[in-house]
Amino acid sequence: MYVCSCFGITEQQVRRHAENGACTPRQIASASKAGTDCGSCVRRIQALLGRGACPRRELIERRAPALEALDDAA
């Protein structure tokens, strides 16, 4: 199913970009142009991104406690 009819971007393509680390509609737009013309698909992209875990977000969450420990040691 198409998410962005302006550029012919499908749900599968949005999910693939998310799996590759695009965790926000802006990052999806950078990767595929989806959401950069009329903008009517941005909410749909947000909904798709909100359903799954973002690999980059999980990495940042895992690194945060380690970074805090480094700050405390300094």
PDB file of N, CA and C in Angstrom:
ATOM      1  N   MET A   1       0.843  -1.174   0.000  1.00  0.00           N
ATOM      2  CA  MET A   1       0.000   0.000   0.000  1.00  0.00           C
ATOM      3  C   MET A   1       0.895   1.247   0.000  1.00  0.00           C
ATOM      4  N   TYR A   2       0.498   2.236  -0.766  1.00  0.00           N
ATOM      5  CA  TYR A   2       1.261   3.470  -0.846  1.00  0.00           C
ATOM      6  C   TYR A   2       1.026   4.331   0.386  1.00  0.00           C
ATOM      7  N   VAL A   3       2.114   4.871   0.893  1.00  0.00           N
ATOM      8  CA  VAL A   3       2.066   5.835   1.988  1.00  0.00           C
ATOM      9  C   VAL A   3       2.120   7.235   1.395  1.00  0.00           C
ATOM     10  N   CYS A   4       3.047   7.425   0.470  1.00  0.00           N
ATOM     11  CA  CYS A   4       3.253   8.721  -0.173  1.00  0.00           C
ATOM     12  C   CYS A   4       2.936   8.590  -1.656  1.00  0.00           C
ATOM     13  N   SER A   5       1.816   9.143  -2.051  1.00  0.00           N
ATOM     14  CA  SER A   5       1.433   9.045  -3.460  1.00  0.00           C
ATOM     15  C   SER A   5       2.224  10.038  -4.324  1.00  0.00           C
ATOM     16  N   CYS A   6       2.747  11.085  -3.728  1.00  0.00           N
ATOM     17  CA  CYS A   6       3.539  12.053  -4.499  1.00  0.00           C
ATOM     18  C   CYS A   6       4.797  11.413  -5.081  1.00  0.00           C
ATOM     19  N   PHE A   7       5.439  10.550  -4.295  1.00  0.00           N
ATOM     20  CA  PHE A   7       6.687   9.935  -4.729  1.00  0.00           C
ATOM     21  C   PHE A   7       6.597   8.419  -4.859  1.00  0.00           C
ATOM     22  N   GLY A   8       5.412   7.856  -4.679  1.00  0.00           N
ATOM     23  CA  GLY A   8       5.224   6.414  -4.850  1.00  0.00           C
ATOM     24  C   GLY A   8       5.957   5.576  -3.816  1.00  0.00           C
ATOM     25  N   ILE A   9       5.966   6.032  -2.564  1.00  0.00           N
ATOM     26  CA  ILE A   9       6.652   5.322  -1.484  1.00  0.00           C
ATOM     27  C   ILE A   9       5.648   4.427  -0.765  1.00  0.00           C
ATOM     28  N   THR A  10       6.016   3.163  -0.599  1.00  0.00           N
ATOM     29  CA  THR A  10       5.120   2.182   0.017  1.00  0.00           C
ATOM     30  C   THR A  10       5.422   2.010   1.507  1.00  0.00           C
ATOM     31  N   GLU A  11       4.484   1.350   2.204  1.00  0.00           N
ATOM     32  CA  GLU A  11       4.699   1.028   3.619  1.00  0.00           C
ATOM     33  C   GLU A  11       5.959   0.184   3.775  1.00  0.00           C
ATOM     34  N   GLN A  12       6.154  -0.761   2.872  1.00  0.00           N
ATOM     35  CA  GLN A  12       7.318  -1.633   2.939  1.00  0.00           C
ATOM     36  C   GLN A  12       8.617  -0.821   2.842  1.00  0.00           C
ATOM     37  N   GLN A  13       8.641   0.165   1.974  1.00  0.00           N
ATOM     38  CA  GLN A  13       9.829   1.003   1.843  1.00  0.00           C
ATOM     39  C   GLN A  13      10.073   1.814   3.114  1.00  0.00           C
ATOM     40  N   VAL A  14       9.011   2.346   3.712  1.00  0.00           N
ATOM     41  CA  VAL A  14       9.149   3.099   4.971  1.00  0.00           C
ATOM     42  C   VAL A  14       9.698   2.173   6.051  1.00  0.00           C
ATOM     43  N   ARG A  15       9.161   0.972   6.140  1.00  0.00           N
ATOM     44  CA  ARG A  15       9.644   0.010   7.154  1.00  0.00           C
ATOM     45  C   ARG A  15      11.108  -0.350   6.915  1.00  0.00           C
ATOM     46  N   ARG A  16      11.487  -0.512   5.668  1.00  0.00           N
ATOM     47  CA  ARG A  16      12.881  -0.843   5.343  1.00  0.00           C
ATOM     48  C   ARG A  16      13.813   0.294   5.780  1.00  0.00           C
ATOM     49  N   HIS A  17      13.409   1.527   5.502  1.00  0.00           N
ATOM     50  CA  HIS A  17      14.222   2.675   5.932  1.00  0.00           C
ATOM     51  C   HIS A  17      14.302   2.730   7.455  1.00  0.00           C
ATOM     52  N   ALA A  18      13.198   2.416   8.133  1.00  0.00           N
ATOM     53  CA  ALA A  18      13.198   2.403   9.600  1.00  0.00           C
ATOM     54  C   ALA A  18      14.141   1.326  10.125  1.00  0.00           C
ATOM     55  N   GLU A  19      14.145   0.163   9.490  1.00  0.00           N
ATOM     56  CA  GLU A  19      15.060  -0.915   9.893  1.00  0.00           C
ATOM     57  C   GLU A  19      16.513  -0.496   9.709  1.00  0.00           C
ATOM     58  N   ASN A  20      16.746   0.378   8.755  1.00  0.00           N
ATOM     59  CA  ASN A  20      18.100   0.872   8.493  1.00  0.00           C
ATOM     60  C   ASN A  20      18.458   2.085   9.337  1.00  0.00           C
ATOM     61  N   GLY A  21      17.569   2.466  10.267  1.00  0.00           N
ATOM     62  CA  GLY A  21      17.906   3.518  11.213  1.00  0.00           C
ATOM     63  C   GLY A  21      17.161   4.826  11.097  1.00  0.00           C
ATOM     64  N   ALA A  22      16.269   4.970  10.116  1.00  0.00           N
ATOM     65  CA  ALA A  22      15.476   6.202  10.006  1.00  0.00           C
ATOM     66  C   ALA A  22      14.337   6.124  11.022  1.00  0.00           C
ATOM     67  N   CYS A  23      14.433   6.903  12.083  1.00  0.00           N
ATOM     68  CA  CYS A  23      13.499   6.768  13.210  1.00  0.00           C
ATOM     69  C   CYS A  23      12.471   7.885  13.310  1.00  0.00           C
ATOM     70  N   THR A  24      12.541   8.867  12.433  1.00  0.00           N
ATOM     71  CA  THR A  24      11.601   9.981  12.471  1.00  0.00           C
ATOM     72  C   THR A  24      11.085  10.249  11.062  1.00  0.00           C
ATOM     73  N   PRO A  25       9.942  10.913  10.944  1.00  0.00           N
ATOM     74  CA  PRO A  25       9.466  11.270   9.604  1.00  0.00           C
ATOM     75  C   PRO A  25      10.490  12.085   8.820  1.00  0.00           C
ATOM     76  N   ARG A  26      11.237  12.940   9.493  1.00  0.00           N
ATOM     77  CA  ARG A  26      12.257  13.740   8.806  1.00  0.00           C
ATOM     78  C   ARG A  26      13.359  12.839   8.234  1.00  0.00           C
ATOM     79  N   GLN A  27      13.754  11.820   8.981  1.00  0.00           N
ATOM     80  CA  GLN A  27      14.771  10.892   8.495  1.00  0.00           C
ATOM     81  C   GLN A  27      14.240  10.044   7.348  1.00  0.00           C
ATOM     82  N   ILE A  28      12.962   9.671   7.418  1.00  0.00           N
ATOM     83  CA  ILE A  28      12.333   8.957   6.302  1.00  0.00           C
ATOM     84  C   ILE A  28      12.319   9.862   5.074  1.00  0.00           C
ATOM     85  N   ALA A  29      12.011  11.129   5.260  1.00  0.00           N
ATOM     86  CA  ALA A  29      12.004  12.081   4.149  1.00  0.00           C
ATOM     87  C   ALA A  29      13.387  12.204   3.521  1.00  0.00           C
ATOM     88  N   SER A  30      14.413  12.233   4.332  1.00  0.00           N
ATOM     89  CA  SER A  30      15.775  12.314   3.811  1.00  0.00           C
ATOM     90  C   SER A  30      16.138  11.075   3.013  1.00  0.00           C
ATOM     91  N   ALA A  31      15.632   9.935   3.458  1.00  0.00           N
ATOM     92  CA  ALA A  31      15.965   8.682   2.789  1.00  0.00           C
ATOM     93  C   ALA A  31      15.138   8.444   1.532  1.00  0.00           C
ATOM     94  N   SER A  32      13.901   8.983   1.484  1.00  0.00           N
ATOM     95  CA  SER A  32      13.007   8.593   0.386  1.00  0.00           C
ATOM     96  C   SER A  32      12.219   9.730  -0.259  1.00  0.00           C
ATOM     97  N   LYS A  33      12.268  10.926   0.284  1.00  0.00           N
ATOM     98  CA  LYS A  33      11.484  12.090  -0.134  1.00  0.00           C
ATOM     99  C   LYS A  33      10.035  12.030   0.339  1.00  0.00           C
ATOM    100  N   ALA A  34       9.593  10.934   0.930  1.00  0.00           N
ATOM    101  CA  ALA A  34       8.214  10.830   1.417  1.00  0.00           C
ATOM    102  C   ALA A  34       7.948  11.931   2.433  1.00  0.00           C
ATOM    103  N   GLY A  35       6.868  12.657   2.257  1.00  0.00           N
ATOM    104  CA  GLY A  35       6.495  13.718   3.178  1.00  0.00           C
ATOM    105  C   GLY A  35       7.046  15.078   2.822  1.00  0.00           C
ATOM    106  N   THR A  36       7.784  15.175   1.727  1.00  0.00           N
ATOM    107  CA  THR A  36       8.410  16.449   1.392  1.00  0.00           C
ATOM    108  C   THR A  36       7.640  17.273   0.365  1.00  0.00           C
ATOM    109  N   ASP A  37       6.575  16.716  -0.204  1.00  0.00           N
ATOM    110  CA  ASP A  37       5.813  17.486  -1.197  1.00  0.00           C
ATOM    111  C   ASP A  37       4.549  18.047  -0.544  1.00  0.00           C
ATOM    112  N   CYS A  38       3.465  17.314  -0.547  1.00  0.00           N
ATOM    113  CA  CYS A  38       2.220  17.858   0.011  1.00  0.00           C
ATOM    114  C   CYS A  38       2.123  17.662   1.524  1.00  0.00           C
ATOM    115  N   GLY A  39       2.862  16.674   2.066  1.00  0.00           N
ATOM    116  CA  GLY A  39       2.879  16.445   3.504  1.00  0.00           C
ATOM    117  C   GLY A  39       1.726  15.639   4.057  1.00  0.00           C
ATOM    118  N   SER A  40       0.809  15.210   3.215  1.00  0.00           N
ATOM    119  CA  SER A  40      -0.360  14.483   3.729  1.00  0.00           C
ATOM    120  C   SER A  40      -0.012  13.099   4.275  1.00  0.00           C
ATOM    121  N   CYS A  41       1.166  12.592   3.984  1.00  0.00           N
ATOM    122  CA  CYS A  41       1.548  11.250   4.433  1.00  0.00           C
ATOM    123  C   CYS A  41       2.322  11.255   5.746  1.00  0.00           C
ATOM    124  N   VAL A  42       2.655  12.416   6.265  1.00  0.00           N
ATOM    125  CA  VAL A  42       3.521  12.478   7.453  1.00  0.00           C
ATOM    126  C   VAL A  42       2.889  11.768   8.647  1.00  0.00           C
ATOM    127  N   ARG A  43       1.612  11.937   8.853  1.00  0.00           N
ATOM    128  CA  ARG A  43       0.947  11.257   9.982  1.00  0.00           C
ATOM    129  C   ARG A  43       0.964   9.744   9.808  1.00  0.00           C
ATOM    130  N   ARG A  44       0.797   9.295   8.590  1.00  0.00           N
ATOM    131  CA  ARG A  44       0.847   7.850   8.314  1.00  0.00           C
ATOM    132  C   ARG A  44       2.259   7.322   8.579  1.00  0.00           C
ATOM    133  N   ILE A  45       3.258   8.072   8.182  1.00  0.00           N
ATOM    134  CA  ILE A  45       4.648   7.676   8.443  1.00  0.00           C
ATOM    135  C   ILE A  45       4.900   7.618   9.948  1.00  0.00           C
ATOM    136  N   GLN A  46       4.405   8.616  10.675  1.00  0.00           N
ATOM    137  CA  GLN A  46       4.555   8.618  12.135  1.00  0.00           C
ATOM    138  C   GLN A  46       3.909   7.376  12.736  1.00  0.00           C
ATOM    139  N   ALA A  47       2.744   7.017  12.248  1.00  0.00           N
ATOM    140  CA  ALA A  47       2.042   5.834  12.754  1.00  0.00           C
ATOM    141  C   ALA A  47       2.849   4.571  12.480  1.00  0.00           C
ATOM    142  N   LEU A  48       3.422   4.466  11.296  1.00  0.00           N
ATOM    143  CA  LEU A  48       4.230   3.286  10.967  1.00  0.00           C
ATOM    144  C   LEU A  48       5.477   3.217  11.837  1.00  0.00           C
ATOM    145  N   LEU A  49       6.112   4.329  12.065  1.00  0.00           N
ATOM    146  CA  LEU A  49       7.313   4.352  12.890  1.00  0.00           C
ATOM    147  C   LEU A  49       7.000   4.048  14.347  1.00  0.00           C
ATOM    148  N   GLY A  50       5.835   4.457  14.797  1.00  0.00           N
ATOM    149  CA  GLY A  50       5.460   4.239  16.189  1.00  0.00           C
ATOM    150  C   GLY A  50       5.147   2.807  16.531  1.00  0.00           C
ATOM    151  N   ARG A  51       4.903   1.982  15.533  1.00  0.00           N
ATOM    152  CA  ARG A  51       4.525   0.585  15.778  1.00  0.00           C
ATOM    153  C   ARG A  51       5.699  -0.310  16.097  1.00  0.00           C
ATOM    154  N   GLY A  52       6.853  -0.022  15.574  1.00  0.00           N
ATOM    155  CA  GLY A  52       7.999  -0.900  15.760  1.00  0.00           C
ATOM    156  C   GLY A  52       9.093  -0.246  16.565  1.00  0.00           C
ATOM    157  N   ALA A  53      10.001  -1.068  17.020  1.00  0.00           N
ATOM    158  CA  ALA A  53      11.150  -0.545  17.751  1.00  0.00           C
ATOM    159  C   ALA A  53      12.135   0.044  16.760  1.00  0.00           C
ATOM    160  N   CYS A  54      12.748   1.104  17.162  1.00  0.00           N
ATOM    161  CA  CYS A  54      13.736   1.758  16.316  1.00  0.00           C
ATOM    162  C   CYS A  54      15.117   1.290  16.756  1.00  0.00           C
ATOM    163  N   PRO A  55      15.855   0.626  15.882  1.00  0.00           N
ATOM    164  CA  PRO A  55      17.173   0.127  16.282  1.00  0.00           C
ATOM    165  C   PRO A  55      18.083   1.236  16.794  1.00  0.00           C
ATOM    166  N   ARG A  56      18.068   2.396  16.162  1.00  0.00           N
ATOM    167  CA  ARG A  56      18.925   3.497  16.588  1.00  0.00           C
ATOM    168  C   ARG A  56      18.493   3.996  17.967  1.00  0.00           C
ATOM    169  N   ARG A  57      17.191   4.104  18.202  1.00  0.00           N
ATOM    170  CA  ARG A  57      16.685   4.570  19.493  1.00  0.00           C
ATOM    171  C   ARG A  57      17.105   3.596  20.591  1.00  0.00           C
ATOM    172  N   GLU A  58      17.031   2.280  20.314  1.00  0.00           N
ATOM    173  CA  GLU A  58      17.432   1.287  21.305  1.00  0.00           C
ATOM    174  C   GLU A  58      18.918   1.406  21.612  1.00  0.00           C
ATOM    175  N   LEU A  59      19.736   1.661  20.610  1.00  0.00           N
ATOM    176  CA  LEU A  59      21.170   1.827  20.809  1.00  0.00           C
ATOM    177  C   LEU A  59      21.441   3.036  21.685  1.00  0.00           C
ATOM    178  N   ILE A  60      20.760   4.137  21.433  1.00  0.00           N
ATOM    179  CA  ILE A  60      20.946   5.355  22.223  1.00  0.00           C
ATOM    180  C   ILE A  60      20.533   5.115  23.665  1.00  0.00           C
ATOM    181  N   GLU A  61      19.427   4.395  23.871  1.00  0.00           N
ATOM    182  CA  GLU A  61      18.957   4.126  25.229  1.00  0.00           C
ATOM    183  C   GLU A  61      19.960   3.248  25.982  1.00  0.00           C
ATOM    184  N   ARG A  62      20.611   2.316  25.279  1.00  0.00           N
ATOM    185  CA  ARG A  62      21.599   1.457  25.923  1.00  0.00           C
ATOM    186  C   ARG A  62      22.869   2.234  26.257  1.00  0.00           C
ATOM    187  N   ARG A  63      23.220   3.199  25.423  1.00  0.00           N
ATOM    188  CA  ARG A  63      24.444   3.973  25.624  1.00  0.00           C
ATOM    189  C   ARG A  63      24.270   5.026  26.704  1.00  0.00           C
ATOM    190  N   ALA A  64      23.070   5.524  26.916  1.00  0.00           N
ATOM    191  CA  ALA A  64      22.843   6.627  27.847  1.00  0.00           C
ATOM    192  C   ALA A  64      23.356   6.322  29.255  1.00  0.00           C
ATOM    193  N   PRO A  65      23.028   5.177  29.869  1.00  0.00           N
ATOM    194  CA  PRO A  65      23.557   4.912  31.218  1.00  0.00           C
ATOM    195  C   PRO A  65      25.090   4.870  31.244  1.00  0.00           C
ATOM    196  N   ALA A  66      25.690   4.335  30.200  1.00  0.00           N
ATOM    197  CA  ALA A  66      27.158   4.278  30.140  1.00  0.00           C
ATOM    198  C   ALA A  66      27.737   5.689  30.060  1.00  0.00           C
ATOM    199  N   LEU A  67      27.115   6.552  29.298  1.00  0.00           N
ATOM    200  CA  LEU A  67      27.578   7.936  29.194  1.00  0.00           C
ATOM    201  C   LEU A  67      27.416   8.672  30.513  1.00  0.00           C
ATOM    202  N   GLU A  68      26.318   8.410  31.220  1.00  0.00           N
ATOM    203  CA  GLU A  68      26.110   9.038  32.522  1.00  0.00           C
ATOM    204  C   GLU A  68      27.198   8.591  33.504  1.00  0.00           C
ATOM    205  N   ALA A  69      27.583   7.320  33.446  1.00  0.00           N
ATOM    206  CA  ALA A  69      28.624   6.808  34.327  1.00  0.00           C
ATOM    207  C   ALA A  69      29.947   7.509  34.043  1.00  0.00           C
ATOM    208  N   LEU A  70      30.224   7.766  32.765  1.00  0.00           N
ATOM    209  CA  LEU A  70      31.443   8.482  32.406  1.00  0.00           C
ATOM    210  C   LEU A  70      31.412   9.905  32.930  1.00  0.00           C
ATOM    211  N   ASP A  71      30.252  10.552  32.838  1.00  0.00           N
ATOM    212  CA  ASP A  71      30.118  11.906  33.351  1.00  0.00           C
ATOM    213  C   ASP A  71      30.326  11.945  34.853  1.00  0.00           C
ATOM    214  N   ASP A  72      29.793  10.944  35.559  1.00  0.00           N
ATOM    215  CA  ASP A  72      29.945  10.889  37.021  1.00  0.00           C
ATOM    216  C   ASP A  72      31.397  10.671  37.422  1.00  0.00           C
ATOM    217  N   ALA A  73      32.141   9.926  36.621  1.00  0.00           N
ATOM    218  CA  ALA A  73      33.532   9.625  36.935  1.00  0.00           C
ATOM    219  C   ALA A  73      34.434  10.833  36.693  1.00  0.00           C
ATOM    220  N   ALA A  74      34.009  11.735  35.864  1.00  0.00           N
ATOM    221  CA  ALA A  74      34.852  12.908  35.506  1.00  0.00           C
ATOM    222  C   ALA A  74      34.804  13.982  36.521  1.00  0.00           C
TER     223      ALA A  74
END
